[in-house]
Amino acid sequence: MLAHLRNAYQKALRNEKGQGLVEYALILVLIAVVVIAAVRGIGTQANATFSTINNNLK
């Protein structure tokens, strides 16, 4: 019984293909969230800058 559990554990450790794919997907999602947040922040700052320029030109 103990040998069977040990073999099952070793087999599970060797099967890392799915685990690696999930890790890459999580990293990709994290990068996407950071990029979206950065673009939103830059967009807000750019909008404020253009509004200030527009108001000063009037």
Protein backbone atom coordinates (compact mmCIF):
# COMPACT_ATOMS: atom_id res chain seq x y z
CA MET A 1 0.00 0.00 0.00
CA LEU A 2 2.77 2.44 0.90
CA ALA A 3 4.61 1.64 -2.33
CA HIS A 4 1.41 2.33 -4.29
CA LEU A 5 1.02 5.75 -2.63
CA ARG A 6 4.67 6.56 -3.26
CA ASN A 7 4.33 5.64 -6.95
CA ALA A 8 1.18 7.75 -7.30
CA TYR A 9 2.95 10.70 -5.64
CA GLN A 10 5.97 10.40 -7.92
CA LYS A 11 3.73 10.16 -10.99
CA ALA A 12 1.88 13.31 -9.94
CA LEU A 13 5.16 15.18 -9.49
CA ARG A 14 6.30 14.22 -12.99
CA ASN A 15 3.06 15.43 -14.60
CA GLU A 16 3.78 19.17 -14.67
CA LYS A 17 2.55 20.09 -18.18
CA GLY A 18 -0.85 21.29 -17.00
CA GLN A 19 0.64 23.08 -14.03
CA GLY A 20 3.07 25.02 -16.23
CA LEU A 21 0.28 26.04 -18.58
CA VAL A 22 -1.81 27.35 -15.69
CA GLU A 23 1.16 29.31 -14.36
CA TYR A 24 1.74 30.94 -17.75
CA ALA A 25 -1.95 31.81 -18.00
CA LEU A 26 -1.89 33.44 -14.56
CA ILE A 27 1.20 35.45 -15.46
CA LEU A 28 -0.47 36.56 -18.71
CA VAL A 29 -3.60 37.66 -16.84
CA LEU A 30 -1.50 39.58 -14.31
CA ILE A 31 0.40 41.36 -17.09
CA ALA A 32 -2.88 42.24 -18.82
CA VAL A 33 -4.29 43.74 -15.60
CA VAL A 34 -1.14 45.83 -15.08
CA VAL A 35 -1.19 47.07 -18.69
CA ILE A 36 -4.87 48.00 -18.49
CA ALA A 37 -4.30 49.90 -15.24
CA ALA A 38 -1.30 51.74 -16.72
CA VAL A 39 -3.17 52.70 -19.88
CA ARG A 40 -6.12 53.98 -17.85
CA GLY A 41 -3.80 56.05 -15.66
CA ILE A 42 -1.93 57.50 -18.61
CA GLY A 43 -5.20 58.21 -20.41
CA THR A 44 -6.54 60.13 -17.44
CA GLN A 45 -3.34 62.17 -17.15
CA ALA A 46 -3.28 62.88 -20.90
CA ASN A 47 -6.92 63.98 -20.82
CA ALA A 48 -6.21 66.37 -17.94
CA THR A 49 -3.18 67.79 -19.75
CA PHE A 50 -5.10 68.36 -22.99
CA SER A 51 -7.95 69.97 -21.05
CA THR A 52 -5.50 72.35 -19.37
CA ILE A 53 -3.94 73.26 -22.71
CA ASN A 54 -7.36 73.77 -24.26
CA ASN A 55 -8.49 76.02 -21.40
CA ASN A 56 -5.30 78.10 -21.62
CA LEU A 57 -5.74 78.62 -25.38
CA LYS A 58 -9.18 80.17 -24.91
